[in-house]
Amino acid sequence: MYKIIYMKADYEPWWQFDGWEENIVEEKIFESKEEAKRFLEDTLNDFGKKYRHQGHKKERFWAFWSDDEMHFCEACDDNIQTYHGIIWEELM
């Protein structure tokens, strides 16, 4: 089985800090690898059109962001970037 996760946080998805699961917006589970890959490709294409910047790591983490999507962090006393993360997982 395969899982595609969409998360929204103030850090890229590859960091997976403690409690990162609280930032999950949506999860999709697929039985077949082909179906999961099609969904992943469609999602990456959609996000690539919607957000100006993107990055990826380890062929299973993707981050998308726009310069104008920031929020104020009281603890940092500064504006911080919002990231839209996509994660590919193979379930055992």
PDB file of N, CA and C in Angstrom:
ATOM      1  N   MET A   1       0.833  -1.182   0.000  1.00  0.00           N
ATOM      2  CA  MET A   1       0.000   0.000   0.000  1.00  0.00           C
ATOM      3  C   MET A   1       0.879   1.247   0.000  1.00  0.00           C
ATOM      4  N   TYR A   2       0.283   2.345  -0.473  1.00  0.00           N
ATOM      5  CA  TYR A   2       1.012   3.585  -0.629  1.00  0.00           C
ATOM      6  C   TYR A   2       0.178   4.738  -0.082  1.00  0.00           C
ATOM      7  N   LYS A   3       0.870   5.703   0.505  1.00  0.00           N
ATOM      8  CA  LYS A   3       0.176   6.838   1.097  1.00  0.00           C
ATOM      9  C   LYS A   3       0.790   8.133   0.588  1.00  0.00           C
ATOM     10  N   ILE A   4      -0.095   9.070   0.219  1.00  0.00           N
ATOM     11  CA  ILE A   4       0.316  10.418  -0.156  1.00  0.00           C
ATOM     12  C   ILE A   4      -0.240  11.345   0.919  1.00  0.00           C
ATOM     13  N   ILE A   5       0.641  12.140   1.505  1.00  0.00           N
ATOM     14  CA  ILE A   5       0.261  13.046   2.590  1.00  0.00           C
ATOM     15  C   ILE A   5       0.447  14.487   2.125  1.00  0.00           C
ATOM     16  N   TYR A   6      -0.556  15.311   2.418  1.00  0.00           N
ATOM     17  CA  TYR A   6      -0.443  16.748   2.202  1.00  0.00           C
ATOM     18  C   TYR A   6      -0.418  17.407   3.571  1.00  0.00           C
ATOM     19  N   MET A   7       0.636  18.164   3.836  1.00  0.00           N
ATOM     20  CA  MET A   7       0.750  18.884   5.104  1.00  0.00           C
ATOM     21  C   MET A   7       1.023  20.356   4.825  1.00  0.00           C
ATOM     22  N   LYS A   8       0.645  21.185   5.780  1.00  0.00           N
ATOM     23  CA  LYS A   8       0.859  22.630   5.672  1.00  0.00           C
ATOM     24  C   LYS A   8       1.486  23.076   6.982  1.00  0.00           C
ATOM     25  N   ALA A   9       2.688  23.669   6.891  1.00  0.00           N
ATOM     26  CA  ALA A   9       3.421  24.033   8.103  1.00  0.00           C
ATOM     27  C   ALA A   9       4.389  25.174   7.811  1.00  0.00           C
ATOM     28  N   ASP A  10       5.086  25.616   8.845  1.00  0.00           N
ATOM     29  CA  ASP A  10       6.082  26.676   8.671  1.00  0.00           C
ATOM     30  C   ASP A  10       7.488  26.096   8.490  1.00  0.00           C
ATOM     31  N   TYR A  11       7.555  24.879   7.966  1.00  0.00           N
ATOM     32  CA  TYR A  11       8.821  24.229   7.627  1.00  0.00           C
ATOM     33  C   TYR A  11       8.562  23.212   6.524  1.00  0.00           C
ATOM     34  N   GLU A  12       9.622  22.835   5.814  1.00  0.00           N
ATOM     35  CA  GLU A  12       9.491  21.886   4.729  1.00  0.00           C
ATOM     36  C   GLU A  12       9.192  20.491   5.287  1.00  0.00           C
ATOM     37  N   PRO A  13       8.503  19.651   4.513  1.00  0.00           N
ATOM     38  CA  PRO A  13       8.059  18.349   5.019  1.00  0.00           C
ATOM     39  C   PRO A  13       9.178  17.387   5.385  1.00  0.00           C
ATOM     40  N   TRP A  14      10.354  17.536   4.793  1.00  0.00           N
ATOM     41  CA  TRP A  14      11.440  16.585   5.078  1.00  0.00           C
ATOM     42  C   TRP A  14      11.983  16.731   6.489  1.00  0.00           C
ATOM     43  N   TRP A  15      11.694  17.807   7.181  1.00  0.00           N
ATOM     44  CA  TRP A  15      12.187  17.954   8.548  1.00  0.00           C
ATOM     45  C   TRP A  15      11.424  17.053   9.510  1.00  0.00           C
ATOM     46  N   GLN A  16      10.165  16.858   9.322  1.00  0.00           N
ATOM     47  CA  GLN A  16       9.333  16.003  10.177  1.00  0.00           C
ATOM     48  C   GLN A  16       9.683  16.162  11.663  1.00  0.00           C
ATOM     49  N   PHE A  17       9.609  17.411  12.131  1.00  0.00           N
ATOM     50  CA  PHE A  17       9.847  17.689  13.549  1.00  0.00           C
ATOM     51  C   PHE A  17       8.828  16.960  14.402  1.00  0.00           C
ATOM     52  N   ASP A  18       9.124  16.789  15.697  1.00  0.00           N
ATOM     53  CA  ASP A  18       8.171  16.158  16.613  1.00  0.00           C
ATOM     54  C   ASP A  18       6.809  16.827  16.464  1.00  0.00           C
ATOM     55  N   GLY A  19       5.784  16.004  16.336  1.00  0.00           N
ATOM     56  CA  GLY A  19       4.425  16.511  16.206  1.00  0.00           C
ATOM     57  C   GLY A  19       4.061  16.956  14.799  1.00  0.00           C
ATOM     58  N   TRP A  20       4.891  16.626  13.816  1.00  0.00           N
ATOM     59  CA  TRP A  20       4.616  17.065  12.445  1.00  0.00           C
ATOM     60  C   TRP A  20       3.267  16.566  11.938  1.00  0.00           C
ATOM     61  N   GLU A  21       2.821  15.438  12.479  1.00  0.00           N
ATOM     62  CA  GLU A  21       1.548  14.852  12.042  1.00  0.00           C
ATOM     63  C   GLU A  21       0.364  15.785  12.300  1.00  0.00           C
ATOM     64  N   GLU A  22       0.505  16.692  13.261  1.00  0.00           N
ATOM     65  CA  GLU A  22      -0.569  17.648  13.561  1.00  0.00           C
ATOM     66  C   GLU A  22      -0.786  18.620  12.409  1.00  0.00           C
ATOM     67  N   ASN A  23       0.156  18.708  11.494  1.00  0.00           N
ATOM     68  CA  ASN A  23       0.060  19.612  10.346  1.00  0.00           C
ATOM     69  C   ASN A  23      -0.488  18.935   9.092  1.00  0.00           C
ATOM     70  N   ILE A  24      -0.911  17.682   9.218  1.00  0.00           N
ATOM     71  CA  ILE A  24      -1.463  16.969   8.065  1.00  0.00           C
ATOM     72  C   ILE A  24      -2.836  17.543   7.732  1.00  0.00           C
ATOM     73  N   VAL A  25      -2.995  17.880   6.469  1.00  0.00           N
ATOM     74  CA  VAL A  25      -4.267  18.392   5.966  1.00  0.00           C
ATOM     75  C   VAL A  25      -5.081  17.251   5.370  1.00  0.00           C
ATOM     76  N   GLU A  26      -4.389  16.343   4.658  1.00  0.00           N
ATOM     77  CA  GLU A  26      -5.078  15.249   3.977  1.00  0.00           C
ATOM     78  C   GLU A  26      -4.138  14.082   3.750  1.00  0.00           C
ATOM     79  N   GLU A  27      -4.689  12.874   3.792  1.00  0.00           N
ATOM     80  CA  GLU A  27      -3.951  11.643   3.485  1.00  0.00           C
ATOM     81  C   GLU A  27      -4.785  10.819   2.512  1.00  0.00           C
ATOM     82  N   LYS A  28      -4.120  10.233   1.546  1.00  0.00           N
ATOM     83  CA  LYS A  28      -4.783   9.329   0.603  1.00  0.00           C
ATOM     84  C   LYS A  28      -3.992   8.030   0.584  1.00  0.00           C
ATOM     85  N   ILE A  29      -4.698   6.916   0.675  1.00  0.00           N
ATOM     86  CA  ILE A  29      -4.061   5.594   0.650  1.00  0.00           C
ATOM     87  C   ILE A  29      -4.486   4.867  -0.619  1.00  0.00           C
ATOM     88  N   PHE A  30      -3.514   4.202  -1.248  1.00  0.00           N
ATOM     89  CA  PHE A  30      -3.743   3.498  -2.500  1.00  0.00           C
ATOM     90  C   PHE A  30      -3.243   2.068  -2.387  1.00  0.00           C
ATOM     91  N   GLU A  31      -3.946   1.167  -3.020  1.00  0.00           N
ATOM     92  CA  GLU A  31      -3.542  -0.237  -3.065  1.00  0.00           C
ATOM     93  C   GLU A  31      -2.436  -0.447  -4.093  1.00  0.00           C
ATOM     94  N   SER A  32      -2.576   0.216  -5.242  1.00  0.00           N
ATOM     95  CA  SER A  32      -1.601  -0.014  -6.308  1.00  0.00           C
ATOM     96  C   SER A  32      -0.615   1.142  -6.422  1.00  0.00           C
ATOM     97  N   LYS A  33       0.599   0.789  -6.761  1.00  0.00           N
ATOM     98  CA  LYS A  33       1.661   1.785  -6.917  1.00  0.00           C
ATOM     99  C   LYS A  33       1.361   2.702  -8.105  1.00  0.00           C
ATOM    100  N   GLU A  34       0.817   2.147  -9.170  1.00  0.00           N
ATOM    101  CA  GLU A  34       0.511   2.933 -10.359  1.00  0.00           C
ATOM    102  C   GLU A  34      -0.524   4.007 -10.055  1.00  0.00           C
ATOM    103  N   GLU A  35      -1.572   3.642  -9.332  1.00  0.00           N
ATOM    104  CA  GLU A  35      -2.608   4.607  -8.965  1.00  0.00           C
ATOM    105  C   GLU A  35      -2.033   5.703  -8.062  1.00  0.00           C
ATOM    106  N   ALA A  36      -1.209   5.312  -7.120  1.00  0.00           N
ATOM    107  CA  ALA A  36      -0.577   6.287  -6.209  1.00  0.00           C
ATOM    108  C   ALA A  36       0.329   7.232  -6.982  1.00  0.00           C
ATOM    109  N   LYS A  37       1.106   6.699  -7.921  1.00  0.00           N
ATOM    110  CA  LYS A  37       2.015   7.541  -8.714  1.00  0.00           C
ATOM    111  C   LYS A  37       1.240   8.526  -9.583  1.00  0.00           C
ATOM    112  N   ARG A  38       0.133   8.083 -10.157  1.00  0.00           N
ATOM    113  CA  ARG A  38      -0.696   8.990 -10.964  1.00  0.00           C
ATOM    114  C   ARG A  38      -1.224  10.135 -10.099  1.00  0.00           C
ATOM    115  N   PHE A  39      -1.734   9.791  -8.915  1.00  0.00           N
ATOM    116  CA  PHE A  39      -2.244  10.820  -8.004  1.00  0.00           C
ATOM    117  C   PHE A  39      -1.120  11.769  -7.593  1.00  0.00           C
ATOM    118  N   LEU A  40       0.040  11.226  -7.279  1.00  0.00           N
ATOM    119  CA  LEU A  40       1.191  12.048  -6.893  1.00  0.00           C
ATOM    120  C   LEU A  40       1.580  12.999  -8.020  1.00  0.00           C
ATOM    121  N   GLU A  41       1.699  12.485  -9.232  1.00  0.00           N
ATOM    122  CA  GLU A  41       2.068  13.325 -10.371  1.00  0.00           C
ATOM    123  C   GLU A  41       1.052  14.438 -10.594  1.00  0.00           C
ATOM    124  N   ASP A  42      -0.235  14.108 -10.522  1.00  0.00           N
ATOM    125  CA  ASP A  42      -1.286  15.117 -10.684  1.00  0.00           C
ATOM    126  C   ASP A  42      -1.199  16.179  -9.587  1.00  0.00           C
ATOM    127  N   THR A  43      -0.972  15.736  -8.359  1.00  0.00           N
ATOM    128  CA  THR A  43      -0.872  16.659  -7.225  1.00  0.00           C
ATOM    129  C   THR A  43       0.333  17.570  -7.381  1.00  0.00           C
ATOM    130  N   LEU A  44       1.484  17.011  -7.727  1.00  0.00           N
ATOM    131  CA  LEU A  44       2.690  17.816  -7.915  1.00  0.00           C
ATOM    132  C   LEU A  44       2.514  18.824  -9.050  1.00  0.00           C
ATOM    133  N   ASN A  45       1.853  18.420 -10.128  1.00  0.00           N
ATOM    134  CA  ASN A  45       1.586  19.345 -11.231  1.00  0.00           C
ATOM    135  C   ASN A  45       0.675  20.481 -10.788  1.00  0.00           C
ATOM    136  N   ASP A  46      -0.387  20.144 -10.053  1.00  0.00           N
ATOM    137  CA  ASP A  46      -1.327  21.161  -9.556  1.00  0.00           C
ATOM    138  C   ASP A  46      -0.627  22.146  -8.629  1.00  0.00           C
ATOM    139  N   PHE A  47       0.150  21.635  -7.690  1.00  0.00           N
ATOM    140  CA  PHE A  47       0.847  22.499  -6.741  1.00  0.00           C
ATOM    141  C   PHE A  47       1.909  23.340  -7.460  1.00  0.00           C
ATOM    142  N   GLY A  48       2.572  22.751  -8.451  1.00  0.00           N
ATOM    143  CA  GLY A  48       3.572  23.473  -9.213  1.00  0.00           C
ATOM    144  C   GLY A  48       3.000  24.662  -9.966  1.00  0.00           C
ATOM    145  N   LYS A  49       1.752  24.552 -10.406  1.00  0.00           N
ATOM    146  CA  LYS A  49       1.081  25.654 -11.087  1.00  0.00           C
ATOM    147  C   LYS A  49       0.605  26.718 -10.098  1.00  0.00           C
ATOM    148  N   LYS A  50       0.263  26.281  -8.906  1.00  0.00           N
ATOM    149  CA  LYS A  50      -0.326  27.188  -7.908  1.00  0.00           C
ATOM    150  C   LYS A  50       0.722  27.989  -7.130  1.00  0.00           C
ATOM    151  N   TYR A  51       1.885  27.400  -6.863  1.00  0.00           N
ATOM    152  CA  TYR A  51       2.910  28.038  -6.033  1.00  0.00           C
ATOM    153  C   TYR A  51       4.154  28.335  -6.857  1.00  0.00           C
ATOM    154  N   ARG A  52       4.736  29.468  -6.604  1.00  0.00           N
ATOM    155  CA  ARG A  52       5.864  29.944  -7.410  1.00  0.00           C
ATOM    156  C   ARG A  52       7.158  29.161  -7.160  1.00  0.00           C
ATOM    157  N   HIS A  53       7.383  28.726  -5.927  1.00  0.00           N
ATOM    158  CA  HIS A  53       8.635  28.056  -5.560  1.00  0.00           C
ATOM    159  C   HIS A  53       8.383  26.598  -5.178  1.00  0.00           C
ATOM    160  N   GLN A  54       9.405  25.782  -5.397  1.00  0.00           N
ATOM    161  CA  GLN A  54       9.305  24.386  -4.980  1.00  0.00           C
ATOM    162  C   GLN A  54      10.687  23.794  -4.729  1.00  0.00           C
ATOM    163  N   GLY A  55      10.703  22.762  -3.905  1.00  0.00           N
ATOM    164  CA  GLY A  55      11.923  22.033  -3.622  1.00  0.00           C
ATOM    165  C   GLY A  55      11.564  20.582  -3.327  1.00  0.00           C
ATOM    166  N   HIS A  56      12.552  19.706  -3.400  1.00  0.00           N
ATOM    167  CA  HIS A  56      12.284  18.295  -3.065  1.00  0.00           C
ATOM    168  C   HIS A  56      13.559  17.651  -2.524  1.00  0.00           C
ATOM    169  N   LYS A  57      13.349  16.571  -1.776  1.00  0.00           N
ATOM    170  CA  LYS A  57      14.466  15.812  -1.195  1.00  0.00           C
ATOM    171  C   LYS A  57      14.111  14.331  -1.167  1.00  0.00           C
ATOM    172  N   LYS A  58      15.119  13.526  -1.341  1.00  0.00           N
ATOM    173  CA  LYS A  58      15.035  12.068  -1.180  1.00  0.00           C
ATOM    174  C   LYS A  58      13.942  11.416  -2.022  1.00  0.00           C
ATOM    175  N   GLU A  59      13.523  12.067  -3.084  1.00  0.00           N
ATOM    176  CA  GLU A  59      12.516  11.529  -4.002  1.00  0.00           C
ATOM    177  C   GLU A  59      11.225  11.103  -3.312  1.00  0.00           C
ATOM    178  N   ARG A  60      10.946  11.654  -2.115  1.00  0.00           N
ATOM    179  CA  ARG A  60       9.670  11.363  -1.452  1.00  0.00           C
ATOM    180  C   ARG A  60       9.109  12.543  -0.679  1.00  0.00           C
ATOM    181  N   PHE A  61       9.819  13.674  -0.720  1.00  0.00           N
ATOM    182  CA  PHE A  61       9.355  14.892  -0.062  1.00  0.00           C
ATOM    183  C   PHE A  61       9.371  16.043  -1.063  1.00  0.00           C
ATOM    184  N   TRP A  62       8.265  16.793  -1.126  1.00  0.00           N
ATOM    185  CA  TRP A  62       8.171  17.967  -1.981  1.00  0.00           C
ATOM    186  C   TRP A  62       7.606  19.111  -1.167  1.00  0.00           C
ATOM    187  N   ALA A  63       8.143  20.304  -1.385  1.00  0.00           N
ATOM    188  CA  ALA A  63       7.655  21.501  -0.704  1.00  0.00           C
ATOM    189  C   ALA A  63       7.324  22.557  -1.753  1.00  0.00           C
ATOM    190  N   PHE A  64       6.225  23.272  -1.530  1.00  0.00           N
ATOM    191  CA  PHE A  64       5.773  24.343  -2.407  1.00  0.00           C
ATOM    192  C   PHE A  64       5.461  25.549  -1.552  1.00  0.00           C
ATOM    193  N   TRP A  65       5.768  26.764  -2.077  1.00  0.00           N
ATOM    194  CA  TRP A  65       5.464  27.969  -1.325  1.00  0.00           C
ATOM    195  C   TRP A  65       5.416  29.177  -2.253  1.00  0.00           C
ATOM    196  N   SER A  66       4.778  30.220  -1.757  1.00  0.00           N
ATOM    197  CA  SER A  66       4.697  31.506  -2.448  1.00  0.00           C
ATOM    198  C   SER A  66       5.225  32.579  -1.520  1.00  0.00           C
ATOM    199  N   ASP A  67       5.836  33.593  -2.099  1.00  0.00           N
ATOM    200  CA  ASP A  67       6.418  34.671  -1.304  1.00  0.00           C
ATOM    201  C   ASP A  67       5.387  35.395  -0.442  1.00  0.00           C
ATOM    202  N   ASP A  68       4.161  35.446  -0.898  1.00  0.00           N
ATOM    203  CA  ASP A  68       3.146  36.212  -0.179  1.00  0.00           C
ATOM    204  C   ASP A  68       2.384  35.406   0.878  1.00  0.00           C
ATOM    205  N   GLU A  69       2.701  34.145   1.048  1.00  0.00           N
ATOM    206  CA  GLU A  69       1.995  33.325   2.048  1.00  0.00           C
ATOM    207  C   GLU A  69       2.875  33.150   3.285  1.00  0.00           C
ATOM    208  N   MET A  70       2.764  34.119   4.171  1.00  0.00           N
ATOM    209  CA  MET A  70       3.552  34.111   5.400  1.00  0.00           C
ATOM    210  C   MET A  70       2.607  34.401   6.563  1.00  0.00           C
ATOM    211  N   HIS A  71       3.042  34.067   7.764  1.00  0.00           N
ATOM    212  CA  HIS A  71       2.266  34.422   8.946  1.00  0.00           C
ATOM    213  C   HIS A  71       3.223  34.867  10.050  1.00  0.00           C
ATOM    214  N   PHE A  72       2.674  35.608  10.982  1.00  0.00           N
ATOM    215  CA  PHE A  72       3.504  36.173  12.043  1.00  0.00           C
ATOM    216  C   PHE A  72       3.721  35.150  13.150  1.00  0.00           C
ATOM    217  N   CYS A  73       4.970  34.982  13.540  1.00  0.00           N
ATOM    218  CA  CYS A  73       5.352  34.085  14.630  1.00  0.00           C
ATOM    219  C   CYS A  73       5.665  34.954  15.846  1.00  0.00           C
ATOM    220  N   GLU A  74       4.809  34.855  16.860  1.00  0.00           N
ATOM    221  CA  GLU A  74       5.020  35.675  18.053  1.00  0.00           C
ATOM    222  C   GLU A  74       6.303  35.294  18.777  1.00  0.00           C
ATOM    223  N   ALA A  75       6.609  34.002  18.849  1.00  0.00           N
ATOM    224  CA  ALA A  75       7.815  33.551  19.546  1.00  0.00           C
ATOM    225  C   ALA A  75       9.083  34.067  18.852  1.00  0.00           C
ATOM    226  N   CYS A  76       9.047  34.157  17.513  1.00  0.00           N
ATOM    227  CA  CYS A  76      10.221  34.637  16.764  1.00  0.00           C
ATOM    228  C   CYS A  76      10.171  36.148  16.541  1.00  0.00           C
ATOM    229  N   ASP A  77       8.994  36.743  16.757  1.00  0.00           N
ATOM    230  CA  ASP A  77       8.778  38.165  16.504  1.00  0.00           C
ATOM    231  C   ASP A  77       9.140  38.501  15.052  1.00  0.00           C
ATOM    232  N   ASP A  78       8.658  37.645  14.135  1.00  0.00           N
ATOM    233  CA  ASP A  78       8.964  37.839  12.724  1.00  0.00           C
ATOM    234  C   ASP A  78       7.940  37.094  11.876  1.00  0.00           C
ATOM    235  N   ASN A  79       7.862  37.447  10.613  1.00  0.00           N
ATOM    236  CA  ASN A  79       7.034  36.707   9.671  1.00  0.00           C
ATOM    237  C   ASN A  79       7.783  35.459   9.225  1.00  0.00           C
ATOM    238  N   ILE A  80       7.060  34.351   9.106  1.00  0.00           N
ATOM    239  CA  ILE A  80       7.681  33.116   8.642  1.00  0.00           C
ATOM    240  C   ILE A  80       6.879  32.529   7.477  1.00  0.00           C
ATOM    241  N   GLN A  81       7.583  31.811   6.645  1.00  0.00           N
ATOM    242  CA  GLN A  81       7.018  31.232   5.434  1.00  0.00           C
ATOM    243  C   GLN A  81       6.078  30.081   5.755  1.00  0.00           C
ATOM    244  N   THR A  82       5.021  29.941   4.958  1.00  0.00           N
ATOM    245  CA  THR A  82       4.137  28.780   5.029  1.00  0.00           C
ATOM    246  C   THR A  82       4.498  27.854   3.867  1.00  0.00           C
ATOM    247  N   TYR A  83       4.670  26.566   4.170  1.00  0.00           N
ATOM    248  CA  TYR A  83       5.023  25.563   3.165  1.00  0.00           C
ATOM    249  C   TYR A  83       3.890  24.554   3.008  1.00  0.00           C
ATOM    250  N   HIS A  84       3.681  24.132   1.774  1.00  0.00           N
ATOM    251  CA  HIS A  84       2.729  23.076   1.455  1.00  0.00           C
ATOM    252  C   HIS A  84       3.578  21.864   1.099  1.00  0.00           C
ATOM    253  N   GLY A  85       3.494  20.823   1.919  1.00  0.00           N
ATOM    254  CA  GLY A  85       4.350  19.662   1.740  1.00  0.00           C
ATOM    255  C   GLY A  85       3.594  18.448   1.245  1.00  0.00           C
ATOM    256  N   ILE A  86       4.221  17.711   0.365  1.00  0.00           N
ATOM    257  CA  ILE A  86       3.699  16.431  -0.137  1.00  0.00           C
ATOM    258  C   ILE A  86       4.719  15.358   0.237  1.00  0.00           C
ATOM    259  N   ILE A  87       4.211  14.269   0.811  1.00  0.00           N
ATOM    260  CA  ILE A  87       5.076  13.170   1.245  1.00  0.00           C
ATOM    261  C   ILE A  87       4.562  11.865   0.628  1.00  0.00           C
ATOM    262  N   TRP A  88       5.477  11.092   0.090  1.00  0.00           N
ATOM    263  CA  TRP A  88       5.183   9.758  -0.449  1.00  0.00           C
ATOM    264  C   TRP A  88       5.648   8.727   0.571  1.00  0.00           C
ATOM    265  N   GLU A  89       4.754   7.800   0.928  1.00  0.00           N
ATOM    266  CA  GLU A  89       5.126   6.720   1.851  1.00  0.00           C
ATOM    267  C   GLU A  89       4.716   5.386   1.279  1.00  0.00           C
ATOM    268  N   GLU A  90       5.592   4.400   1.449  1.00  0.00           N
ATOM    269  CA  GLU A  90       5.249   3.022   1.102  1.00  0.00           C
ATOM    270  C   GLU A  90       4.971   2.302   2.413  1.00  0.00           C
ATOM    271  N   LEU A  91       3.765   1.769   2.531  1.00  0.00           N
ATOM    272  CA  LEU A  91       3.343   1.114   3.762  1.00  0.00           C
ATOM    273  C   LEU A  91       3.631  -0.385   3.672  1.00  0.00           C
ATOM    274  N   MET A  92       3.997  -0.957   4.780  1.00  0.00           N
ATOM    275  CA  MET A  92       4.253  -2.400   4.815  1.00  0.00           C
ATOM    276  C   MET A  92       2.995  -3.159   5.177  1.00  0.00           C
TER     277      MET A  92
END
